[in-house]
């Protein structure tokens, strides 16, 4: 199984609706496949421009490592490493990236969200992953 355009459209619609209704800041979000390659990107109206590359990097990191960027951040701290030690310029340990798995726990992609504080970005990314699992 892999993420289709229709899957991305469904996730984007759900996220756009959720963000629009909560009254907080708009966001940029990126969806990547299991290799970390971009398959969907959206910048909501009034979302900050600097959130564009960060949302893509968050999604890439979550897909390439198969773990949320918060977990990557914690791993770096525990092992006293830096993201640069992985020799991949696209990795980030900024919260807001979450892998997407099938119900059988197979990695199919990831979502990266940026535009709010990093903890709120992570909460949204995790919510998208939970929504995707429920489909």
C-alpha atoms as a PDB file:
ATOM      1  CA  UNK A   1       0.000   0.000   0.000  1.00  0.00           C
ATOM      2  CA  UNK A   2       1.102   3.542  -0.686  1.00  0.00           C
ATOM      3  CA  UNK A   3      -0.369   7.023  -0.387  1.00  0.00           C
ATOM      4  CA  UNK A   4      -2.438   8.011  -3.401  1.00  0.00           C
ATOM      5  CA  UNK A   5      -3.410  11.458  -4.589  1.00  0.00           C
ATOM      6  CA  UNK A   6      -6.890  10.804  -3.214  1.00  0.00           C
ATOM      7  CA  UNK A   7      -5.425   9.852   0.184  1.00  0.00           C
ATOM      8  CA  UNK A   8      -3.465  13.110   0.243  1.00  0.00           C
ATOM      9  CA  UNK A   9      -6.509  15.102  -0.789  1.00  0.00           C
ATOM     10  CA  UNK A  10      -8.512  13.514   2.037  1.00  0.00           C
ATOM     11  CA  UNK A  11      -5.783  14.203   4.619  1.00  0.00           C
ATOM     12  CA  UNK A  12      -5.343  17.757   3.349  1.00  0.00           C
ATOM     13  CA  UNK A  13      -9.076  18.412   3.509  1.00  0.00           C
ATOM     14  CA  UNK A  14      -9.302  17.053   7.052  1.00  0.00           C
ATOM     15  CA  UNK A  15      -6.300  19.068   8.207  1.00  0.00           C
ATOM     16  CA  UNK A  16      -7.439  22.241   6.468  1.00  0.00           C
ATOM     17  CA  UNK A  17     -10.855  21.946   8.111  1.00  0.00           C
ATOM     18  CA  UNK A  18      -9.350  21.227  11.541  1.00  0.00           C
ATOM     19  CA  UNK A  19      -6.938  24.168  11.350  1.00  0.00           C
ATOM     20  CA  UNK A  20      -9.588  26.531  10.017  1.00  0.00           C
ATOM     21  CA  UNK A  21     -11.961  25.685  12.859  1.00  0.00           C
ATOM     22  CA  UNK A  22      -9.564  25.896  15.811  1.00  0.00           C
ATOM     23  CA  UNK A  23      -8.970  29.637  15.456  1.00  0.00           C
ATOM     24  CA  UNK A  24      -5.187  29.367  15.695  1.00  0.00           C
ATOM     25  CA  UNK A  25      -2.567  30.292  13.103  1.00  0.00           C
ATOM     26  CA  UNK A  26      -2.666  28.845   9.584  1.00  0.00           C
ATOM     27  CA  UNK A  27       0.033  26.341   8.657  1.00  0.00           C
ATOM     28  CA  UNK A  28       1.999  24.877   5.815  1.00  0.00           C
ATOM     29  CA  UNK A  29       1.909  21.111   5.501  1.00  0.00           C
ATOM     30  CA  UNK A  30       3.728  18.586   3.407  1.00  0.00           C
ATOM     31  CA  UNK A  31       3.000  14.922   2.766  1.00  0.00           C
ATOM     32  CA  UNK A  32       5.779  12.666   1.556  1.00  0.00           C
ATOM     33  CA  UNK A  33       5.929   9.040   0.499  1.00  0.00           C
ATOM     34  CA  UNK A  34       7.814   6.382   2.454  1.00  0.00           C
ATOM     35  CA  UNK A  35      11.104   7.472   0.857  1.00  0.00           C
ATOM     36  CA  UNK A  36      10.611  11.079   1.908  1.00  0.00           C
ATOM     37  CA  UNK A  37       9.772  12.365  -1.568  1.00  0.00           C
ATOM     38  CA  UNK A  38       7.207  15.164  -1.655  1.00  0.00           C
ATOM     39  CA  UNK A  39       3.777  14.183  -2.978  1.00  0.00           C
ATOM     40  CA  UNK A  40       1.595  16.973  -1.537  1.00  0.00           C
ATOM     41  CA  UNK A  41       2.189  20.472  -0.234  1.00  0.00           C
ATOM     42  CA  UNK A  42      -0.170  23.207   0.880  1.00  0.00           C
ATOM     43  CA  UNK A  43       0.411  26.668   2.270  1.00  0.00           C
ATOM     44  CA  UNK A  44      -2.786  27.860   3.889  1.00  0.00           C
ATOM     45  CA  UNK A  45      -3.778  31.502   3.431  1.00  0.00           C
ATOM     46  CA  UNK A  46      -1.599  33.734   5.612  1.00  0.00           C
ATOM     47  CA  UNK A  47       0.733  30.905   6.681  1.00  0.00           C
ATOM     48  CA  UNK A  48       4.287  32.181   7.162  1.00  0.00           C
ATOM     49  CA  UNK A  49       6.644  31.796   4.214  1.00  0.00           C
ATOM     50  CA  UNK A  50       9.452  30.459   6.416  1.00  0.00           C
ATOM     51  CA  UNK A  51       7.204  27.511   7.279  1.00  0.00           C
ATOM     52  CA  UNK A  52       7.387  26.178   3.710  1.00  0.00           C
ATOM     53  CA  UNK A  53      10.807  24.477   3.787  1.00  0.00           C
ATOM     54  CA  UNK A  54      10.459  23.498   7.435  1.00  0.00           C
ATOM     55  CA  UNK A  55       7.194  21.599   6.881  1.00  0.00           C
ATOM     56  CA  UNK A  56       8.793  19.696   3.998  1.00  0.00           C
ATOM     57  CA  UNK A  57      11.879  18.897   6.082  1.00  0.00           C
ATOM     58  CA  UNK A  58       9.749  17.677   8.993  1.00  0.00           C
ATOM     59  CA  UNK A  59       7.841  15.290   6.731  1.00  0.00           C
ATOM     60  CA  UNK A  60      11.058  14.085   5.086  1.00  0.00           C
ATOM     61  CA  UNK A  61      12.673  13.388   8.458  1.00  0.00           C
ATOM     62  CA  UNK A  62       9.661  11.472   9.786  1.00  0.00           C
ATOM     63  CA  UNK A  63       9.556   9.287   6.677  1.00  0.00           C
ATOM     64  CA  UNK A  64      13.291   8.653   6.389  1.00  0.00           C
ATOM     65  CA  UNK A  65      13.669   7.749  10.054  1.00  0.00           C
ATOM     66  CA  UNK A  66      10.221   6.217  10.568  1.00  0.00           C
ATOM     67  CA  UNK A  67       9.673   8.225  13.720  1.00  0.00           C
ATOM     68  CA  UNK A  68       8.230  11.550  14.788  1.00  0.00           C
ATOM     69  CA  UNK A  69      10.584  14.501  14.805  1.00  0.00           C
ATOM     70  CA  UNK A  70      10.007  14.841  18.564  1.00  0.00           C
ATOM     71  CA  UNK A  71      11.359  11.309  18.977  1.00  0.00           C
ATOM     72  CA  UNK A  72      14.327  12.192  16.774  1.00  0.00           C
ATOM     73  CA  UNK A  73      14.942  15.260  18.937  1.00  0.00           C
ATOM     74  CA  UNK A  74      14.873  13.119  22.092  1.00  0.00           C
ATOM     75  CA  UNK A  75      17.169  10.542  20.497  1.00  0.00           C
ATOM     76  CA  UNK A  76      19.692  13.234  19.587  1.00  0.00           C
ATOM     77  CA  UNK A  77      19.674  14.551  23.144  1.00  0.00           C
ATOM     78  CA  UNK A  78      20.059  11.100  24.702  1.00  0.00           C
ATOM     79  CA  UNK A  79      22.929  10.146  22.419  1.00  0.00           C
ATOM     80  CA  UNK A  80      24.476  13.640  22.534  1.00  0.00           C
ATOM     81  CA  UNK A  81      24.367  13.923  18.745  1.00  0.00           C
ATOM     82  CA  UNK A  82      23.296  16.599  16.286  1.00  0.00           C
ATOM     83  CA  UNK A  83      21.145  16.157  13.184  1.00  0.00           C
ATOM     84  CA  UNK A  84      24.209  16.962  11.073  1.00  0.00           C
ATOM     85  CA  UNK A  85      25.852  13.790  12.385  1.00  0.00           C
ATOM     86  CA  UNK A  86      23.452  11.834  10.150  1.00  0.00           C
ATOM     87  CA  UNK A  87      25.049  13.414   7.052  1.00  0.00           C
ATOM     88  CA  UNK A  88      21.678  14.373   5.566  1.00  0.00           C
ATOM     89  CA  UNK A  89      21.054  18.119   5.207  1.00  0.00           C
ATOM     90  CA  UNK A  90      17.276  17.645   4.989  1.00  0.00           C
ATOM     91  CA  UNK A  91      16.848  16.130   8.461  1.00  0.00           C
ATOM     92  CA  UNK A  92      15.410  18.265  11.256  1.00  0.00           C
ATOM     93  CA  UNK A  93      14.679  17.591  14.900  1.00  0.00           C
ATOM     94  CA  UNK A  94      12.086  20.375  15.109  1.00  0.00           C
ATOM     95  CA  UNK A  95       8.731  18.961  16.290  1.00  0.00           C
ATOM     96  CA  UNK A  96       5.948  18.766  13.723  1.00  0.00           C
ATOM     97  CA  UNK A  97       6.729  15.683  11.657  1.00  0.00           C
ATOM     98  CA  UNK A  98       4.995  12.317  12.059  1.00  0.00           C
ATOM     99  CA  UNK A  99       5.226   9.103  10.036  1.00  0.00           C
ATOM    100  CA  UNK A 100       2.085   7.619   8.526  1.00  0.00           C
ATOM    101  CA  UNK A 101       1.550   3.881   8.911  1.00  0.00           C
ATOM    102  CA  UNK A 102      -1.008   1.394   7.658  1.00  0.00           C
ATOM    103  CA  UNK A 103      -3.080  -0.528  10.174  1.00  0.00           C
ATOM    104  CA  UNK A 104      -0.527  -3.323   9.709  1.00  0.00           C
ATOM    105  CA  UNK A 105       2.200  -0.891  10.888  1.00  0.00           C
ATOM    106  CA  UNK A 106       3.791  -0.493   7.423  1.00  0.00           C
ATOM    107  CA  UNK A 107       5.323   2.928   6.751  1.00  0.00           C
ATOM    108  CA  UNK A 108       3.564   4.619   3.822  1.00  0.00           C
ATOM    109  CA  UNK A 109       4.721   8.217   4.238  1.00  0.00           C
ATOM    110  CA  UNK A 110       4.788  11.124   6.633  1.00  0.00           C
ATOM    111  CA  UNK A 111       3.301  14.542   7.301  1.00  0.00           C
ATOM    112  CA  UNK A 112       5.157  17.677   8.273  1.00  0.00           C
ATOM    113  CA  UNK A 113       3.423  20.751   9.672  1.00  0.00           C
ATOM    114  CA  UNK A 114       4.864  24.178  10.370  1.00  0.00           C
ATOM    115  CA  UNK A 115       3.462  27.605  11.135  1.00  0.00           C
ATOM    116  CA  UNK A 116       2.563  27.485  14.814  1.00  0.00           C
ATOM    117  CA  UNK A 117       4.778  26.816  17.792  1.00  0.00           C
ATOM    118  CA  UNK A 118       6.543  23.508  17.385  1.00  0.00           C
ATOM    119  CA  UNK A 119       4.484  21.680  20.015  1.00  0.00           C
ATOM    120  CA  UNK A 120       1.227  22.696  18.303  1.00  0.00           C
ATOM    121  CA  UNK A 121       2.706  21.609  14.970  1.00  0.00           C
ATOM    122  CA  UNK A 122       3.466  18.197  16.475  1.00  0.00           C
ATOM    123  CA  UNK A 123      -0.004  17.835  17.975  1.00  0.00           C
ATOM    124  CA  UNK A 124      -1.527  18.522  14.543  1.00  0.00           C
ATOM    125  CA  UNK A 125       0.827  16.098  12.784  1.00  0.00           C
ATOM    126  CA  UNK A 126       0.015  13.375  15.303  1.00  0.00           C
ATOM    127  CA  UNK A 127      -3.717  14.068  14.847  1.00  0.00           C
ATOM    128  CA  UNK A 128      -3.376  13.640  11.082  1.00  0.00           C
ATOM    129  CA  UNK A 129      -1.598  10.320  11.619  1.00  0.00           C
ATOM    130  CA  UNK A 130      -4.368   9.143  13.936  1.00  0.00           C
ATOM    131  CA  UNK A 131      -7.004  10.249  11.426  1.00  0.00           C
ATOM    132  CA  UNK A 132      -5.191   8.437   8.608  1.00  0.00           C
ATOM    133  CA  UNK A 133      -5.031   5.247  10.695  1.00  0.00           C
ATOM    134  CA  UNK A 134      -8.793   5.395  11.208  1.00  0.00           C
ATOM    135  CA  UNK A 135      -9.541   5.316   7.478  1.00  0.00           C
END
